[in-house]
């Protein structure tokens, strides 16, 4: 609990520094989160070059958002970044009229799936199961894929995912449960 309090305090302090146009604080935020945001964008866009451009734009939008003092709805800096990233991705698809096509087998951008102690995570020990999960993940509904990526790949907690998606923490928990069940069903189809 004290770790969460310390994190919140540091987040608020950093947000205060950013509001005061502290460029060093912004560089530190960029360095801390650029990899996670890029990975999130890449999973949604599927193109490394486009993900690079969009990630840069997301950090610029975040800077402008903070400077405009629009922080009343954001509880954490990380959640704010993901929310802006999510909105930028939606805008990207609207503007370009594209469909999402991603490859989880891209050797240039390997995916590290984090073990959260779930039943499904036990299967990640086996390379064949990981390959099967990678093959089945794009077959899930967008919202299912999104919560799985946010939780297991970007290592966000339920509260942060709720803030990013605009859903309650309980709804996110149910959505994640359904997503894992849907993924399990797709994997079991292969075994049948």
C-alpha atoms as a PDB file:
ATOM      1  CA  UNK A   1       0.000   0.000   0.000  1.00  0.00           C
ATOM      2  CA  UNK A   2       2.835   2.417   0.815  1.00  0.00           C
ATOM      3  CA  UNK A   3       4.402   1.657  -2.556  1.00  0.00           C
ATOM      4  CA  UNK A   4       1.172   2.739  -4.279  1.00  0.00           C
ATOM      5  CA  UNK A   5       1.113   5.932  -2.198  1.00  0.00           C
ATOM      6  CA  UNK A   6       4.733   6.679  -3.083  1.00  0.00           C
ATOM      7  CA  UNK A   7       3.999   6.049  -6.750  1.00  0.00           C
ATOM      8  CA  UNK A   8       0.962   8.380  -6.645  1.00  0.00           C
ATOM      9  CA  UNK A   9       3.016  11.089  -4.939  1.00  0.00           C
ATOM     10  CA  UNK A  10       5.811  10.761  -7.497  1.00  0.00           C
ATOM     11  CA  UNK A  11       3.243  10.831 -10.314  1.00  0.00           C
ATOM     12  CA  UNK A  12       1.628  13.995  -8.926  1.00  0.00           C
ATOM     13  CA  UNK A  13       5.047  15.596  -8.458  1.00  0.00           C
ATOM     14  CA  UNK A  14       6.006  14.721 -12.036  1.00  0.00           C
ATOM     15  CA  UNK A  15       2.685  16.050 -13.356  1.00  0.00           C
ATOM     16  CA  UNK A  16       3.322  19.285 -11.443  1.00  0.00           C
ATOM     17  CA  UNK A  17       6.775  19.576 -12.993  1.00  0.00           C
ATOM     18  CA  UNK A  18       5.311  18.954 -16.442  1.00  0.00           C
ATOM     19  CA  UNK A  19       2.628  21.605 -15.879  1.00  0.00           C
ATOM     20  CA  UNK A  20       5.472  24.018 -15.087  1.00  0.00           C
ATOM     21  CA  UNK A  21       7.000  23.192 -18.497  1.00  0.00           C
ATOM     22  CA  UNK A  22       9.941  21.291 -17.019  1.00  0.00           C
ATOM     23  CA  UNK A  23      11.499  19.778 -20.141  1.00  0.00           C
ATOM     24  CA  UNK A  24      13.831  17.540 -18.122  1.00  0.00           C
ATOM     25  CA  UNK A  25      10.832  15.968 -16.389  1.00  0.00           C
ATOM     26  CA  UNK A  26       9.206  15.403 -19.786  1.00  0.00           C
ATOM     27  CA  UNK A  27      12.379  13.749 -21.109  1.00  0.00           C
ATOM     28  CA  UNK A  28      12.413  11.474 -18.046  1.00  0.00           C
ATOM     29  CA  UNK A  29       8.745  10.564 -18.643  1.00  0.00           C
ATOM     30  CA  UNK A  30       9.482   9.923 -22.305  1.00  0.00           C
ATOM     31  CA  UNK A  31      12.442   7.676 -21.462  1.00  0.00           C
ATOM     32  CA  UNK A  32      10.413   5.792 -18.868  1.00  0.00           C
ATOM     33  CA  UNK A  33       7.341   5.112 -21.029  1.00  0.00           C
ATOM     34  CA  UNK A  34       8.363   5.249 -24.701  1.00  0.00           C
ATOM     35  CA  UNK A  35       9.008   1.499 -24.973  1.00  0.00           C
ATOM     36  CA  UNK A  36       5.673   0.534 -23.439  1.00  0.00           C
ATOM     37  CA  UNK A  37       3.677   3.046 -25.485  1.00  0.00           C
ATOM     38  CA  UNK A  38       5.464   2.042 -28.697  1.00  0.00           C
ATOM     39  CA  UNK A  39       4.746  -1.633 -28.038  1.00  0.00           C
ATOM     40  CA  UNK A  40       1.065  -0.839 -27.360  1.00  0.00           C
ATOM     41  CA  UNK A  41       0.803   1.190 -30.574  1.00  0.00           C
ATOM     42  CA  UNK A  42       2.650  -1.425 -32.598  1.00  0.00           C
ATOM     43  CA  UNK A  43       0.198  -4.106 -31.461  1.00  0.00           C
ATOM     44  CA  UNK A  44      -2.662  -1.933 -32.644  1.00  0.00           C
ATOM     45  CA  UNK A  45      -1.108  -0.631 -35.886  1.00  0.00           C
ATOM     46  CA  UNK A  46       1.105  -3.499 -37.033  1.00  0.00           C
ATOM     47  CA  UNK A  47       3.642  -1.273 -38.790  1.00  0.00           C
ATOM     48  CA  UNK A  48       6.893  -0.316 -37.099  1.00  0.00           C
ATOM     49  CA  UNK A  49       7.305   2.953 -39.018  1.00  0.00           C
ATOM     50  CA  UNK A  50       3.720   4.028 -38.361  1.00  0.00           C
ATOM     51  CA  UNK A  51       4.079   3.053 -34.698  1.00  0.00           C
ATOM     52  CA  UNK A  52       7.239   5.197 -34.433  1.00  0.00           C
ATOM     53  CA  UNK A  53       5.444   8.222 -35.895  1.00  0.00           C
ATOM     54  CA  UNK A  54       2.331   7.724 -33.820  1.00  0.00           C
ATOM     55  CA  UNK A  55       4.324   7.238 -30.612  1.00  0.00           C
ATOM     56  CA  UNK A  56       6.092  10.563 -31.157  1.00  0.00           C
ATOM     57  CA  UNK A  57       2.750  12.236 -31.794  1.00  0.00           C
ATOM     58  CA  UNK A  58       1.308  10.702 -28.610  1.00  0.00           C
ATOM     59  CA  UNK A  59       4.051  12.207 -26.456  1.00  0.00           C
ATOM     60  CA  UNK A  60       3.586  15.594 -28.139  1.00  0.00           C
ATOM     61  CA  UNK A  61      -0.186  15.399 -27.528  1.00  0.00           C
ATOM     62  CA  UNK A  62       0.491  14.466 -23.903  1.00  0.00           C
ATOM     63  CA  UNK A  63       2.761  17.495 -23.455  1.00  0.00           C
ATOM     64  CA  UNK A  64       0.146  19.795 -25.018  1.00  0.00           C
ATOM     65  CA  UNK A  65      -2.646  18.222 -22.953  1.00  0.00           C
ATOM     66  CA  UNK A  66      -0.750  18.791 -19.712  1.00  0.00           C
ATOM     67  CA  UNK A  67       0.168  22.348 -20.696  1.00  0.00           C
ATOM     68  CA  UNK A  68      -3.518  23.107 -21.352  1.00  0.00           C
ATOM     69  CA  UNK A  69      -4.233  22.049 -17.716  1.00  0.00           C
ATOM     70  CA  UNK A  70      -6.693  19.315 -18.699  1.00  0.00           C
ATOM     71  CA  UNK A  71      -5.627  16.911 -15.955  1.00  0.00           C
ATOM     72  CA  UNK A  72      -8.745  16.710 -13.808  1.00  0.00           C
ATOM     73  CA  UNK A  73      -9.834  13.333 -15.269  1.00  0.00           C
ATOM     74  CA  UNK A  74      -6.464  11.602 -15.080  1.00  0.00           C
ATOM     75  CA  UNK A  75      -5.361   9.768 -11.973  1.00  0.00           C
ATOM     76  CA  UNK A  76      -1.942   8.570 -13.126  1.00  0.00           C
ATOM     77  CA  UNK A  77       0.525   9.702 -15.725  1.00  0.00           C
ATOM     78  CA  UNK A  78       0.826   6.198 -17.183  1.00  0.00           C
ATOM     79  CA  UNK A  79      -2.946   5.902 -17.583  1.00  0.00           C
ATOM     80  CA  UNK A  80      -3.022   9.343 -19.219  1.00  0.00           C
ATOM     81  CA  UNK A  81      -0.387   8.253 -21.746  1.00  0.00           C
ATOM     82  CA  UNK A  82      -2.272   5.063 -22.603  1.00  0.00           C
ATOM     83  CA  UNK A  83      -5.573   6.926 -22.890  1.00  0.00           C
ATOM     84  CA  UNK A  84      -4.029   9.421 -25.312  1.00  0.00           C
ATOM     85  CA  UNK A  85      -2.390   6.537 -27.197  1.00  0.00           C
ATOM     86  CA  UNK A  86      -5.693   4.701 -27.451  1.00  0.00           C
ATOM     87  CA  UNK A  87      -7.457   7.818 -28.774  1.00  0.00           C
ATOM     88  CA  UNK A  88      -4.638   8.495 -31.249  1.00  0.00           C
ATOM     89  CA  UNK A  89      -4.956   4.941 -32.592  1.00  0.00           C
ATOM     90  CA  UNK A  90      -8.707   5.367 -33.039  1.00  0.00           C
ATOM     91  CA  UNK A  91      -8.069   8.643 -34.899  1.00  0.00           C
ATOM     92  CA  UNK A  92      -5.410   6.938 -37.024  1.00  0.00           C
ATOM     93  CA  UNK A  93      -7.855   4.268 -38.161  1.00  0.00           C
ATOM     94  CA  UNK A  94     -10.616   6.795 -38.746  1.00  0.00           C
ATOM     95  CA  UNK A  95      -8.387   8.988 -40.892  1.00  0.00           C
ATOM     96  CA  UNK A  96      -6.897   6.137 -42.876  1.00  0.00           C
ATOM     97  CA  UNK A  97      -9.951   3.876 -43.052  1.00  0.00           C
ATOM     98  CA  UNK A  98      -7.739   0.873 -42.333  1.00  0.00           C
ATOM     99  CA  UNK A  99      -8.443  -2.462 -40.703  1.00  0.00           C
ATOM    100  CA  UNK A 100      -6.161  -3.782 -37.993  1.00  0.00           C
ATOM    101  CA  UNK A 101      -3.741  -6.415 -39.217  1.00  0.00           C
ATOM    102  CA  UNK A 102      -0.878  -7.327 -36.929  1.00  0.00           C
ATOM    103  CA  UNK A 103       1.683 -10.048 -36.889  1.00  0.00           C
ATOM    104  CA  UNK A 104       2.744 -11.402 -33.550  1.00  0.00           C
ATOM    105  CA  UNK A 105       5.510 -13.397 -35.209  1.00  0.00           C
ATOM    106  CA  UNK A 106       7.546 -10.349 -36.231  1.00  0.00           C
ATOM    107  CA  UNK A 107      11.160 -11.224 -35.370  1.00  0.00           C
ATOM    108  CA  UNK A 108      12.167  -7.536 -35.424  1.00  0.00           C
ATOM    109  CA  UNK A 109       9.649  -6.708 -32.678  1.00  0.00           C
ATOM    110  CA  UNK A 110       9.491  -9.725 -30.363  1.00  0.00           C
ATOM    111  CA  UNK A 111       6.687  -9.861 -27.829  1.00  0.00           C
ATOM    112  CA  UNK A 112       7.344 -10.636 -24.196  1.00  0.00           C
ATOM    113  CA  UNK A 113       4.222 -12.005 -22.511  1.00  0.00           C
ATOM    114  CA  UNK A 114       4.306 -11.522 -18.751  1.00  0.00           C
ATOM    115  CA  UNK A 115       3.333 -14.317 -16.349  1.00  0.00           C
ATOM    116  CA  UNK A 116       0.598 -13.120 -14.035  1.00  0.00           C
ATOM    117  CA  UNK A 117      -0.060 -16.476 -12.382  1.00  0.00           C
ATOM    118  CA  UNK A 118      -3.240 -17.162 -14.376  1.00  0.00           C
ATOM    119  CA  UNK A 119      -4.137 -20.605 -15.744  1.00  0.00           C
ATOM    120  CA  UNK A 120      -3.371 -19.394 -19.230  1.00  0.00           C
ATOM    121  CA  UNK A 121      -0.011 -18.031 -18.099  1.00  0.00           C
ATOM    122  CA  UNK A 122       1.053 -21.529 -17.019  1.00  0.00           C
ATOM    123  CA  UNK A 123       0.813 -22.570 -20.661  1.00  0.00           C
ATOM    124  CA  UNK A 124       3.324 -19.895 -21.621  1.00  0.00           C
ATOM    125  CA  UNK A 125       6.112 -22.072 -20.250  1.00  0.00           C
ATOM    126  CA  UNK A 126       5.865 -24.203 -23.342  1.00  0.00           C
ATOM    127  CA  UNK A 127       7.157 -22.602 -26.567  1.00  0.00           C
ATOM    128  CA  UNK A 128       4.582 -24.425 -28.676  1.00  0.00           C
ATOM    129  CA  UNK A 129       1.781 -22.993 -26.544  1.00  0.00           C
ATOM    130  CA  UNK A 130       3.234 -19.495 -26.837  1.00  0.00           C
ATOM    131  CA  UNK A 131       3.283 -19.844 -30.625  1.00  0.00           C
ATOM    132  CA  UNK A 132      -0.305 -21.072 -30.521  1.00  0.00           C
ATOM    133  CA  UNK A 133      -1.351 -18.098 -28.364  1.00  0.00           C
ATOM    134  CA  UNK A 134       0.396 -15.710 -30.763  1.00  0.00           C
ATOM    135  CA  UNK A 135      -1.455 -17.271 -33.678  1.00  0.00           C
ATOM    136  CA  UNK A 136      -4.858 -17.097 -31.942  1.00  0.00           C
ATOM    137  CA  UNK A 137      -4.623 -13.618 -30.361  1.00  0.00           C
ATOM    138  CA  UNK A 138      -5.403 -11.739 -33.604  1.00  0.00           C
ATOM    139  CA  UNK A 139      -8.585 -13.821 -33.972  1.00  0.00           C
ATOM    140  CA  UNK A 140     -10.105 -12.331 -30.813  1.00  0.00           C
ATOM    141  CA  UNK A 141     -12.498  -9.384 -30.781  1.00  0.00           C
ATOM    142  CA  UNK A 142     -10.658  -6.038 -30.624  1.00  0.00           C
ATOM    143  CA  UNK A 143     -11.726  -5.287 -27.053  1.00  0.00           C
ATOM    144  CA  UNK A 144     -10.625  -8.747 -25.873  1.00  0.00           C
ATOM    145  CA  UNK A 145      -7.264  -8.431 -27.581  1.00  0.00           C
ATOM    146  CA  UNK A 146      -6.830  -4.938 -26.149  1.00  0.00           C
ATOM    147  CA  UNK A 147      -7.348  -5.960 -22.516  1.00  0.00           C
ATOM    148  CA  UNK A 148      -5.067  -8.984 -22.901  1.00  0.00           C
ATOM    149  CA  UNK A 149      -2.318  -6.815 -24.407  1.00  0.00           C
ATOM    150  CA  UNK A 150      -2.730  -4.111 -21.738  1.00  0.00           C
ATOM    151  CA  UNK A 151      -2.721  -6.630 -18.880  1.00  0.00           C
ATOM    152  CA  UNK A 152      -0.204  -9.277 -19.911  1.00  0.00           C
ATOM    153  CA  UNK A 153       2.095  -7.516 -22.345  1.00  0.00           C
ATOM    154  CA  UNK A 154       2.094  -3.922 -21.074  1.00  0.00           C
ATOM    155  CA  UNK A 155       1.704  -5.046 -17.427  1.00  0.00           C
ATOM    156  CA  UNK A 156      -1.020  -2.556 -16.460  1.00  0.00           C
ATOM    157  CA  UNK A 157      -3.226  -3.203 -13.443  1.00  0.00           C
ATOM    158  CA  UNK A 158      -7.031  -3.367 -13.636  1.00  0.00           C
ATOM    159  CA  UNK A 159      -7.444   0.178 -12.303  1.00  0.00           C
ATOM    160  CA  UNK A 160      -5.227   1.609 -15.041  1.00  0.00           C
ATOM    161  CA  UNK A 161      -6.955  -0.432 -17.747  1.00  0.00           C
ATOM    162  CA  UNK A 162     -10.313   0.828 -16.440  1.00  0.00           C
ATOM    163  CA  UNK A 163      -9.134   4.433 -16.651  1.00  0.00           C
ATOM    164  CA  UNK A 164      -7.754   3.931 -20.167  1.00  0.00           C
ATOM    165  CA  UNK A 165     -10.844   2.186 -21.535  1.00  0.00           C
ATOM    166  CA  UNK A 166     -13.417   4.265 -19.661  1.00  0.00           C
ATOM    167  CA  UNK A 167     -14.905   1.160 -18.043  1.00  0.00           C
ATOM    168  CA  UNK A 168     -15.281   0.320 -14.372  1.00  0.00           C
ATOM    169  CA  UNK A 169     -12.675  -1.898 -12.714  1.00  0.00           C
ATOM    170  CA  UNK A 170     -15.319  -4.620 -12.347  1.00  0.00           C
ATOM    171  CA  UNK A 171     -16.194  -4.408 -16.041  1.00  0.00           C
ATOM    172  CA  UNK A 172     -12.522  -4.715 -16.957  1.00  0.00           C
ATOM    173  CA  UNK A 173     -12.177  -7.767 -14.711  1.00  0.00           C
ATOM    174  CA  UNK A 174     -15.179  -9.410 -16.424  1.00  0.00           C
ATOM    175  CA  UNK A 175     -13.905  -8.407 -19.879  1.00  0.00           C
ATOM    176  CA  UNK A 176     -10.466  -9.856 -19.129  1.00  0.00           C
ATOM    177  CA  UNK A 177     -12.058 -13.075 -17.860  1.00  0.00           C
ATOM    178  CA  UNK A 178     -14.156 -13.356 -21.034  1.00  0.00           C
ATOM    179  CA  UNK A 179     -11.135 -12.559 -23.198  1.00  0.00           C
ATOM    180  CA  UNK A 180      -9.067 -15.291 -21.551  1.00  0.00           C
ATOM    181  CA  UNK A 181     -11.950 -17.750 -21.918  1.00  0.00           C
ATOM    182  CA  UNK A 182     -12.327 -16.860 -25.605  1.00  0.00           C
ATOM    183  CA  UNK A 183      -8.586 -17.314 -26.110  1.00  0.00           C
ATOM    184  CA  UNK A 184      -8.743 -20.635 -24.254  1.00  0.00           C
ATOM    185  CA  UNK A 185     -11.579 -21.784 -26.540  1.00  0.00           C
ATOM    186  CA  UNK A 186      -9.592 -20.832 -29.654  1.00  0.00           C
ATOM    187  CA  UNK A 187      -6.597 -22.728 -28.333  1.00  0.00           C
ATOM    188  CA  UNK A 188      -8.711 -25.767 -27.472  1.00  0.00           C
ATOM    189  CA  UNK A 189     -10.132 -25.794 -31.024  1.00  0.00           C
ATOM    190  CA  UNK A 190      -6.603 -26.471 -32.237  1.00  0.00           C
ATOM    191  CA  UNK A 191      -6.247 -29.414 -29.865  1.00  0.00           C
ATOM    192  CA  UNK A 192      -9.574 -30.979 -30.946  1.00  0.00           C
END
